[in-house]
Amino acid sequence: MTGSDEAPGYRQSRQSADESSLIFPAGASKGERVAIRLESIEKNGRLVIGRASSGAYVGRLIGSVALGLLGLLVLVLGADGFVALCAVVLLILFGLVSPMLIVRRHQQDYRLELTPESLELIRDGQSGEETVHHATWSVVDSVTTASFGNRPESPSFPAVNVAFASGSGRRSTRRSFLTREIQGERIVLNQPLEVGRWELVDLLTAAHERFRPKPDPAR
């Protein structure tokens, strides 16, 4: 079942639990928190992971501006040639473009919904609610991480490799040589969410292991 297959009111009709409403024991380990979330998905049918607090966006904004200022500092110190070119790219990318994207993203409300059947990333912006990614656990190949622009120095984000998915944010990982048909897709979760990046990787990995269809031992 995909997002477009759901009957009107399907999401509202199902019982759900918000990440912010979960209660974790004092000093709970990452594994214990993941286990509690999985139990909540099974019990309530849906776990809604909302966006992170504003502090996460502010931290990204400060880090981006700091890198842009580093490029500006290199130019002020009189760098030339290839070093100066790299400094200009750093200034434009992290001092101008990245802050604008961070502010724009902060104005959009993202949430990740996990059910025993699927995962779905939803964006609620000025134009209304939109499904960015939707995929069932049955088509998930693996849960890994991905870096922005595939640069090793970039931060890593949770990435779910699937055979196919639906939604406005489809990102292909490979295409057929002749027809250019999408043969695999990658869902990269680079939006600041309530659950931290590495803990989200563990949660998605555990959810895939628990909810993916098991082979019939009789066959």
C-alpha atoms as a PDB file:
ATOM      1  CA  MET A   1       0.000   0.000   0.000  1.00  0.00           C
ATOM      2  CA  THR A   2       1.391   3.419  -0.964  1.00  0.00           C
ATOM      3  CA  GLY A   3       0.451   6.890   0.189  1.00  0.00           C
ATOM      4  CA  SER A   4      -1.765   7.345  -2.881  1.00  0.00           C
ATOM      5  CA  ASP A   5      -3.552   4.042  -2.161  1.00  0.00           C
ATOM      6  CA  GLU A   6      -4.711   5.037   1.295  1.00  0.00           C
ATOM      7  CA  ALA A   7      -8.383   5.882   1.633  1.00  0.00           C
ATOM      8  CA  PRO A   8      -9.283   9.421   2.772  1.00  0.00           C
ATOM      9  CA  GLY A   9      -8.886   9.742   6.509  1.00  0.00           C
ATOM     10  CA  TYR A  10      -6.786   6.578   6.757  1.00  0.00           C
ATOM     11  CA  ARG A  11      -3.912   8.288   8.566  1.00  0.00           C
ATOM     12  CA  GLN A  12      -6.244  10.003  11.026  1.00  0.00           C
ATOM     13  CA  SER A  13      -8.214   6.816  11.683  1.00  0.00           C
ATOM     14  CA  ARG A  14      -5.188   4.907  12.926  1.00  0.00           C
ATOM     15  CA  GLN A  15      -3.968   5.206  16.475  1.00  0.00           C
ATOM     16  CA  SER A  16      -0.534   6.799  16.657  1.00  0.00           C
ATOM     17  CA  ALA A  17       2.125   7.860  19.123  1.00  0.00           C
ATOM     18  CA  ASP A  18       4.365  10.915  18.968  1.00  0.00           C
ATOM     19  CA  GLU A  19       8.072  10.610  19.664  1.00  0.00           C
ATOM     20  CA  SER A  20       7.821  13.505  22.123  1.00  0.00           C
ATOM     21  CA  SER A  21       5.174  11.606  24.134  1.00  0.00           C
ATOM     22  CA  LEU A  22       7.313   8.497  24.694  1.00  0.00           C
ATOM     23  CA  ILE A  23       8.700   7.975  28.181  1.00  0.00           C
ATOM     24  CA  PHE A  24      12.213   6.559  28.471  1.00  0.00           C
ATOM     25  CA  PRO A  25      13.715   5.272  31.739  1.00  0.00           C
ATOM     26  CA  ALA A  26      16.339   7.488  33.299  1.00  0.00           C
ATOM     27  CA  GLY A  27      19.735   6.692  31.826  1.00  0.00           C
ATOM     28  CA  ALA A  28      18.254   4.499  29.068  1.00  0.00           C
ATOM     29  CA  SER A  29      20.801   3.388  26.506  1.00  0.00           C
ATOM     30  CA  LYS A  30      20.387   3.983  22.779  1.00  0.00           C
ATOM     31  CA  GLY A  31      19.419   0.336  22.294  1.00  0.00           C
ATOM     32  CA  GLU A  32      16.762   0.567  25.004  1.00  0.00           C
ATOM     33  CA  ARG A  33      15.267   3.705  23.445  1.00  0.00           C
ATOM     34  CA  VAL A  34      15.152   2.002  20.041  1.00  0.00           C
ATOM     35  CA  ALA A  35      13.392  -1.015  21.586  1.00  0.00           C
ATOM     36  CA  ILE A  36      10.776   1.240  23.227  1.00  0.00           C
ATOM     37  CA  ARG A  37      10.110   2.944  19.902  1.00  0.00           C
ATOM     38  CA  LEU A  38       9.674  -0.396  18.122  1.00  0.00           C
ATOM     39  CA  GLU A  39       7.215  -1.536  20.790  1.00  0.00           C
ATOM     40  CA  SER A  40       5.306   1.715  20.330  1.00  0.00           C
ATOM     41  CA  ILE A  41       5.068   1.128  16.573  1.00  0.00           C
ATOM     42  CA  GLU A  42       3.688  -2.361  17.126  1.00  0.00           C
ATOM     43  CA  LYS A  43       1.292  -1.282  19.867  1.00  0.00           C
ATOM     44  CA  ASN A  44      -0.030   1.949  18.355  1.00  0.00           C
ATOM     45  CA  GLY A  45       0.389   1.196  14.666  1.00  0.00           C
ATOM     46  CA  ARG A  46       2.325   4.392  13.978  1.00  0.00           C
ATOM     47  CA  LEU A  47       5.189   6.386  15.484  1.00  0.00           C
ATOM     48  CA  VAL A  48       5.398  10.047  14.477  1.00  0.00           C
ATOM     49  CA  ILE A  49       8.865  11.604  14.724  1.00  0.00           C
ATOM     50  CA  GLY A  50       8.522  15.374  14.477  1.00  0.00           C
ATOM     51  CA  ARG A  51      11.133  17.942  13.580  1.00  0.00           C
ATOM     52  CA  ALA A  52      13.924  18.871  15.948  1.00  0.00           C
ATOM     53  CA  SER A  53      13.891  21.943  18.145  1.00  0.00           C
ATOM     54  CA  SER A  54      14.965  25.280  16.715  1.00  0.00           C
ATOM     55  CA  GLY A  55      18.364  24.796  18.343  1.00  0.00           C
ATOM     56  CA  ALA A  56      19.287  22.153  15.776  1.00  0.00           C
ATOM     57  CA  TYR A  57      18.642  24.607  12.940  1.00  0.00           C
ATOM     58  CA  VAL A  58      20.545  27.371  14.726  1.00  0.00           C
ATOM     59  CA  GLY A  59      23.516  25.043  15.172  1.00  0.00           C
ATOM     60  CA  ARG A  60      23.545  24.201  11.468  1.00  0.00           C
ATOM     61  CA  LEU A  61      23.245  27.863  10.561  1.00  0.00           C
ATOM     62  CA  ILE A  62      26.150  28.890  12.809  1.00  0.00           C
ATOM     63  CA  GLY A  63      28.328  26.076  11.474  1.00  0.00           C
ATOM     64  CA  SER A  64      27.588  26.999   7.870  1.00  0.00           C
ATOM     65  CA  VAL A  65      28.285  30.690   8.398  1.00  0.00           C
ATOM     66  CA  ALA A  66      31.523  29.830  10.219  1.00  0.00           C
ATOM     67  CA  LEU A  67      32.752  27.865   7.197  1.00  0.00           C
ATOM     68  CA  GLY A  68      31.807  30.757   4.922  1.00  0.00           C
ATOM     69  CA  LEU A  69      33.740  33.187   7.118  1.00  0.00           C
ATOM     70  CA  LEU A  70      36.711  30.836   6.946  1.00  0.00           C
ATOM     71  CA  GLY A  71      36.703  31.215   3.170  1.00  0.00           C
ATOM     72  CA  LEU A  72      36.468  34.996   3.560  1.00  0.00           C
ATOM     73  CA  LEU A  73      39.396  34.967   5.995  1.00  0.00           C
ATOM     74  CA  VAL A  74      41.538  33.058   3.496  1.00  0.00           C
ATOM     75  CA  LEU A  75      40.799  35.720   0.858  1.00  0.00           C
ATOM     76  CA  VAL A  76      41.575  38.564   3.277  1.00  0.00           C
ATOM     77  CA  LEU A  77      44.951  36.970   4.075  1.00  0.00           C
ATOM     78  CA  GLY A  78      45.858  37.304   0.406  1.00  0.00           C
ATOM     79  CA  ALA A  79      45.486  33.790  -0.956  1.00  0.00           C
ATOM     80  CA  ASP A  80      45.717  33.433  -4.719  1.00  0.00           C
ATOM     81  CA  GLY A  81      45.437  30.787  -7.398  1.00  0.00           C
ATOM     82  CA  PHE A  82      43.687  27.533  -6.592  1.00  0.00           C
ATOM     83  CA  VAL A  83      43.523  28.309  -2.874  1.00  0.00           C
ATOM     84  CA  ALA A  84      41.690  31.559  -3.572  1.00  0.00           C
ATOM     85  CA  LEU A  85      39.272  29.746  -5.874  1.00  0.00           C
ATOM     86  CA  CYS A  86      38.497  27.206  -3.142  1.00  0.00           C
ATOM     87  CA  ALA A  87      37.977  30.046  -0.665  1.00  0.00           C
ATOM     88  CA  VAL A  88      35.494  31.748  -3.000  1.00  0.00           C
ATOM     89  CA  VAL A  89      33.569  28.485  -3.440  1.00  0.00           C
ATOM     90  CA  LEU A  90      33.564  27.995   0.334  1.00  0.00           C
ATOM     91  CA  LEU A  91      32.302  31.543   0.885  1.00  0.00           C
ATOM     92  CA  ILE A  92      29.501  31.275  -1.678  1.00  0.00           C
ATOM     93  CA  LEU A  93      28.423  27.740  -0.778  1.00  0.00           C
ATOM     94  CA  PHE A  94      28.511  27.921   3.018  1.00  0.00           C
ATOM     95  CA  GLY A  95      28.284  31.683   3.571  1.00  0.00           C
ATOM     96  CA  LEU A  96      25.362  32.400   1.238  1.00  0.00           C
ATOM     97  CA  VAL A  97      23.650  29.387  -0.343  1.00  0.00           C
ATOM     98  CA  SER A  98      23.623  27.001   2.611  1.00  0.00           C
ATOM     99  CA  PRO A  99      22.236  29.537   5.154  1.00  0.00           C
ATOM    100  CA  MET A 100      19.386  30.394   2.761  1.00  0.00           C
ATOM    101  CA  LEU A 101      18.536  26.710   2.361  1.00  0.00           C
ATOM    102  CA  ILE A 102      18.655  26.161   6.132  1.00  0.00           C
ATOM    103  CA  VAL A 103      16.304  29.096   6.781  1.00  0.00           C
ATOM    104  CA  ARG A 104      13.966  27.936   4.009  1.00  0.00           C
ATOM    105  CA  ARG A 105      13.915  24.401   5.418  1.00  0.00           C
ATOM    106  CA  HIS A 106      13.218  25.730   8.909  1.00  0.00           C
ATOM    107  CA  GLN A 107      10.031  27.286   7.549  1.00  0.00           C
ATOM    108  CA  GLN A 108       8.828  23.816   6.504  1.00  0.00           C
ATOM    109  CA  ASP A 109       7.608  21.261   9.013  1.00  0.00           C
ATOM    110  CA  TYR A 110       8.943  17.741   8.379  1.00  0.00           C
ATOM    111  CA  ARG A 111       7.909  14.587  10.177  1.00  0.00           C
ATOM    112  CA  LEU A 112       8.786  10.930   9.760  1.00  0.00           C
ATOM    113  CA  GLU A 113       6.048   8.342  10.265  1.00  0.00           C
ATOM    114  CA  LEU A 114       6.944   4.699  10.892  1.00  0.00           C
ATOM    115  CA  THR A 115       4.386   1.904  10.780  1.00  0.00           C
ATOM    116  CA  PRO A 116       4.709  -1.897  10.685  1.00  0.00           C
ATOM    117  CA  GLU A 117       4.134  -1.633   6.921  1.00  0.00           C
ATOM    118  CA  SER A 118       6.126   1.393   5.782  1.00  0.00           C
ATOM    119  CA  LEU A 119       8.077   4.569   6.420  1.00  0.00           C
ATOM    120  CA  GLU A 120       6.919   7.957   5.181  1.00  0.00           C
ATOM    121  CA  LEU A 121       8.523  11.400   5.245  1.00  0.00           C
ATOM    122  CA  ILE A 122       5.942  14.197   5.142  1.00  0.00           C
ATOM    123  CA  ARG A 123       6.462  17.916   4.598  1.00  0.00           C
ATOM    124  CA  ASP A 124       3.918  20.453   5.755  1.00  0.00           C
ATOM    125  CA  GLY A 125       4.673  23.803   4.149  1.00  0.00           C
ATOM    126  CA  GLN A 126       2.822  26.853   2.925  1.00  0.00           C
ATOM    127  CA  SER A 127       1.342  24.858   0.025  1.00  0.00           C
ATOM    128  CA  GLY A 128      -0.046  22.175   2.339  1.00  0.00           C
ATOM    129  CA  GLU A 129       0.914  18.625   3.281  1.00  0.00           C
ATOM    130  CA  GLU A 130       3.075  16.672   0.862  1.00  0.00           C
ATOM    131  CA  THR A 131       4.560  13.172   0.898  1.00  0.00           C
ATOM    132  CA  VAL A 132       8.274  13.491   0.163  1.00  0.00           C
ATOM    133  CA  HIS A 133       9.127   9.778   0.445  1.00  0.00           C
ATOM    134  CA  HIS A 134       7.029   6.679   1.007  1.00  0.00           C
ATOM    135  CA  ALA A 135       8.262   3.083   0.882  1.00  0.00           C
ATOM    136  CA  THR A 136       7.168  -0.213   2.381  1.00  0.00           C
ATOM    137  CA  TRP A 137       9.601  -2.304   4.414  1.00  0.00           C
ATOM    138  CA  SER A 138       9.248  -5.067   1.827  1.00  0.00           C
ATOM    139  CA  VAL A 139      11.160  -3.017  -0.781  1.00  0.00           C
ATOM    140  CA  VAL A 140      13.907  -1.771   1.561  1.00  0.00           C
ATOM    141  CA  ASP A 141      17.302  -3.218   0.655  1.00  0.00           C
ATOM    142  CA  SER A 142      19.409  -1.718   3.423  1.00  0.00           C
ATOM    143  CA  VAL A 143      19.838   1.195   5.826  1.00  0.00           C
ATOM    144  CA  THR A 144      23.120   3.095   5.489  1.00  0.00           C
ATOM    145  CA  THR A 145      24.356   6.694   5.588  1.00  0.00           C
ATOM    146  CA  ALA A 146      25.000   9.239   2.851  1.00  0.00           C
ATOM    147  CA  SER A 147      26.989  12.467   2.699  1.00  0.00           C
ATOM    148  CA  PHE A 148      25.954  15.648   0.932  1.00  0.00           C
ATOM    149  CA  GLY A 149      27.567  15.629  -2.493  1.00  0.00           C
ATOM    150  CA  ASN A 150      29.283  12.334  -1.588  1.00  0.00           C
ATOM    151  CA  ARG A 151      32.157  14.302  -0.072  1.00  0.00           C
ATOM    152  CA  PRO A 152      33.890  12.411   2.779  1.00  0.00           C
ATOM    153  CA  GLU A 153      34.227  15.586   4.866  1.00  0.00           C
ATOM    154  CA  SER A 154      30.475  16.236   4.767  1.00  0.00           C
ATOM    155  CA  PRO A 155      28.239  15.103   7.652  1.00  0.00           C
ATOM    156  CA  SER A 156      26.576  11.722   7.232  1.00  0.00           C
ATOM    157  CA  PHE A 157      22.789  11.359   7.246  1.00  0.00           C
ATOM    158  CA  PRO A 158      20.535   8.288   7.528  1.00  0.00           C
ATOM    159  CA  ALA A 159      19.851   6.791   4.098  1.00  0.00           C
ATOM    160  CA  VAL A 160      17.399   4.038   3.188  1.00  0.00           C
ATOM    161  CA  ASN A 161      18.101   2.152  -0.042  1.00  0.00           C
ATOM    162  CA  VAL A 162      14.904   0.849  -1.634  1.00  0.00           C
ATOM    163  CA  ALA A 163      13.926  -0.907  -4.830  1.00  0.00           C
ATOM    164  CA  PHE A 164      11.314   1.779  -5.507  1.00  0.00           C
ATOM    165  CA  ALA A 165       9.397   4.473  -3.652  1.00  0.00           C
ATOM    166  CA  SER A 166       6.800   7.160  -4.183  1.00  0.00           C
ATOM    167  CA  GLY A 167       6.762  10.841  -3.325  1.00  0.00           C
ATOM    168  CA  SER A 168       8.001  14.179  -4.597  1.00  0.00           C
ATOM    169  CA  GLY A 169      11.572  13.714  -3.367  1.00  0.00           C
ATOM    170  CA  ARG A 170      12.472  10.594  -5.342  1.00  0.00           C
ATOM    171  CA  ARG A 171      16.237  10.217  -5.730  1.00  0.00           C
ATOM    172  CA  SER A 172      17.486   7.472  -8.006  1.00  0.00           C
ATOM    173  CA  THR A 173      20.614   5.475  -7.181  1.00  0.00           C
ATOM    174  CA  ARG A 174      20.870   3.750 -10.545  1.00  0.00           C
ATOM    175  CA  ARG A 175      19.080   3.693 -13.892  1.00  0.00           C
ATOM    176  CA  SER A 176      18.942   1.190 -16.727  1.00  0.00           C
ATOM    177  CA  PHE A 177      21.443   1.918 -19.504  1.00  0.00           C
ATOM    178  CA  LEU A 178      18.996   2.088 -22.414  1.00  0.00           C
ATOM    179  CA  THR A 179      15.590   3.101 -21.051  1.00  0.00           C
ATOM    180  CA  ARG A 180      16.941   5.174 -18.091  1.00  0.00           C
ATOM    181  CA  GLU A 181      14.281   3.544 -15.943  1.00  0.00           C
ATOM    182  CA  ILE A 182      14.872   3.946 -12.196  1.00  0.00           C
ATOM    183  CA  GLN A 183      16.074   0.603 -10.831  1.00  0.00           C
ATOM    184  CA  GLY A 184      16.812   1.684  -7.297  1.00  0.00           C
ATOM    185  CA  GLU A 185      16.247   4.706  -5.072  1.00  0.00           C
ATOM    186  CA  ARG A 186      17.751   6.276  -1.969  1.00  0.00           C
ATOM    187  CA  ILE A 187      15.828   8.075   0.755  1.00  0.00           C
ATOM    188  CA  VAL A 188      18.196  10.490   2.516  1.00  0.00           C
ATOM    189  CA  LEU A 189      16.875  11.904   5.803  1.00  0.00           C
ATOM    190  CA  ASN A 190      18.905  15.097   6.159  1.00  0.00           C
ATOM    191  CA  GLN A 191      16.111  17.034   7.873  1.00  0.00           C
ATOM    192  CA  PRO A 192      16.689  17.743  11.599  1.00  0.00           C
ATOM    193  CA  LEU A 193      14.308  15.416  13.445  1.00  0.00           C
ATOM    194  CA  GLU A 194      13.563  14.689  17.101  1.00  0.00           C
ATOM    195  CA  VAL A 195      15.704  11.557  16.935  1.00  0.00           C
ATOM    196  CA  GLY A 196      19.413  12.144  16.354  1.00  0.00           C
ATOM    197  CA  ARG A 197      21.059  10.985  13.128  1.00  0.00           C
ATOM    198  CA  TRP A 198      22.946   7.962  14.439  1.00  0.00           C
ATOM    199  CA  GLU A 199      20.103   6.857  16.699  1.00  0.00           C
ATOM    200  CA  LEU A 200      17.743   7.166  13.725  1.00  0.00           C
ATOM    201  CA  VAL A 201      20.045   4.897  11.695  1.00  0.00           C
ATOM    202  CA  ASP A 202      19.810   2.282  14.456  1.00  0.00           C
ATOM    203  CA  LEU A 203      16.020   2.694  14.675  1.00  0.00           C
ATOM    204  CA  LEU A 204      15.495   2.312  10.923  1.00  0.00           C
ATOM    205  CA  THR A 205      17.830  -0.687  10.817  1.00  0.00           C
ATOM    206  CA  ALA A 206      15.971  -2.389  13.689  1.00  0.00           C
ATOM    207  CA  ALA A 207      12.564  -1.527  12.182  1.00  0.00           C
ATOM    208  CA  HIS A 208      13.582  -2.979   8.822  1.00  0.00           C
ATOM    209  CA  GLU A 209      14.772  -6.152  10.510  1.00  0.00           C
ATOM    210  CA  ARG A 210      11.565  -6.529  12.516  1.00  0.00           C
ATOM    211  CA  PHE A 211       8.928  -5.497   9.991  1.00  0.00           C
ATOM    212  CA  ARG A 212      10.238  -6.723   6.659  1.00  0.00           C
ATOM    213  CA  PRO A 213       8.346  -9.782   5.335  1.00  0.00           C
ATOM    214  CA  LYS A 214       9.982 -13.003   6.457  1.00  0.00           C
ATOM    215  CA  PRO A 215      10.454 -15.843   3.962  1.00  0.00           C
ATOM    216  CA  ASP A 216       8.068 -18.770   4.291  1.00  0.00           C
ATOM    217  CA  PRO A 217      10.096 -21.622   5.865  1.00  0.00           C
ATOM    218  CA  ALA A 218       7.786 -24.167   4.218  1.00  0.00           C
ATOM    219  CA  ARG A 219       9.031 -23.144   0.764  1.00  0.00           C
END
